[in-house]
Amino acid sequence: MKSLIRRIPYYASVSALIFLLFSAACYAIGLRVNTTKSIPLGLYLTQSSTPKIGDYVIICPPQNPVFLEAKKEGI
């Protein structure tokens, strides 16, 4: 029983490492998890193609006063 208890930190560390490596690989190939209210909850694959009607588009707005105010207001 004691040997099993001693192995728990090892198994927890290995499991955490595997999870982190899997998450990094998913991020590297373009998989994203959406948890916001902006689009339906789910797993999405990002692409660099020209968007078509009906596609979701991700943007990173510049750090200027208009966008900073919108972020502050929660828009």
Protein backbone atom coordinates (compact mmCIF):
# COMPACT_ATOMS: atom_id res chain seq x y z
CA MET A 1 0.00 0.00 0.00
CA LYS A 2 2.83 2.41 0.86
CA SER A 3 4.47 1.86 -2.54
CA LEU A 4 1.21 2.84 -4.27
CA ILE A 5 0.97 6.05 -2.22
CA ARG A 6 4.59 6.87 -3.08
CA ARG A 7 3.84 6.48 -6.79
CA ILE A 8 0.88 8.90 -6.83
CA PRO A 9 3.05 12.05 -7.27
CA TYR A 10 4.93 10.32 -10.09
CA TYR A 11 1.73 9.35 -11.92
CA ALA A 12 0.25 12.81 -11.35
CA SER A 13 3.38 14.47 -12.76
CA VAL A 14 3.48 12.18 -15.79
CA SER A 15 -0.24 12.74 -16.42
CA ALA A 16 0.18 16.51 -16.19
CA LEU A 17 3.13 16.42 -18.58
CA ILE A 18 1.20 14.31 -21.10
CA PHE A 19 -1.76 16.70 -20.86
CA LEU A 20 0.48 19.74 -21.40
CA LEU A 21 2.21 18.15 -24.40
CA PHE A 22 -1.16 17.16 -25.90
CA SER A 23 -2.53 20.68 -25.35
CA ALA A 24 0.55 22.26 -26.95
CA ALA A 25 0.27 19.94 -29.96
CA CYS A 26 -3.43 20.79 -30.40
CA TYR A 27 -2.67 24.51 -30.20
CA ALA A 28 0.19 24.14 -32.71
CA ILE A 29 -2.07 22.53 -35.32
CA GLY A 30 -4.71 25.23 -34.87
CA LEU A 31 -7.29 23.72 -32.53
CA ARG A 32 -8.97 26.24 -30.26
CA VAL A 33 -11.60 25.80 -27.55
CA ASN A 34 -14.18 28.56 -27.37
CA THR A 35 -15.70 29.19 -23.94
CA THR A 36 -16.95 32.72 -24.64
CA LYS A 37 -20.49 33.83 -25.46
CA SER A 38 -19.40 35.29 -28.82
CA ILE A 39 -19.91 32.02 -30.74
CA PRO A 40 -21.23 28.60 -29.71
CA LEU A 41 -19.19 26.65 -27.17
CA GLY A 42 -16.96 24.15 -28.93
CA LEU A 43 -13.70 23.07 -30.47
CA TYR A 44 -12.65 25.00 -33.59
CA LEU A 45 -9.89 24.55 -36.17
CA THR A 46 -8.24 27.77 -37.32
CA GLN A 47 -7.31 28.20 -40.99
CA SER A 48 -5.52 30.84 -43.02
CA SER A 49 -7.88 30.71 -45.99
CA THR A 50 -10.03 33.52 -47.35
CA PRO A 51 -13.24 33.64 -45.32
CA LYS A 52 -16.54 32.82 -46.99
CA ILE A 53 -20.04 33.87 -46.01
CA GLY A 54 -21.00 32.08 -42.79
CA ASP A 55 -17.42 31.51 -41.58
CA TYR A 56 -16.31 32.61 -38.12
CA VAL A 57 -13.44 35.09 -38.17
CA ILE A 58 -10.93 35.73 -35.37
CA ILE A 59 -9.28 39.13 -35.19
CA CYS A 60 -6.78 40.73 -32.83
CA PRO A 61 -7.65 44.42 -32.70
CA PRO A 62 -4.86 46.95 -32.17
CA GLN A 63 -4.28 48.51 -28.75
CA ASN A 64 -5.93 51.87 -29.40
CA PRO A 65 -8.40 53.88 -27.27
CA VAL A 66 -11.53 52.76 -29.14
CA PHE A 67 -10.86 49.06 -28.63
CA LEU A 68 -9.60 49.52 -25.07
CA GLU A 69 -12.84 51.38 -24.16
CA ALA A 70 -14.95 48.63 -25.78
CA LYS A 71 -13.05 45.99 -23.79
CA LYS A 72 -13.58 47.98 -20.58
CA GLU A 73 -17.32 48.23 -21.31
CA GLY A 74 -17.53 44.50 -22.10
CA ILE A 75 -18.64 45.00 -25.70
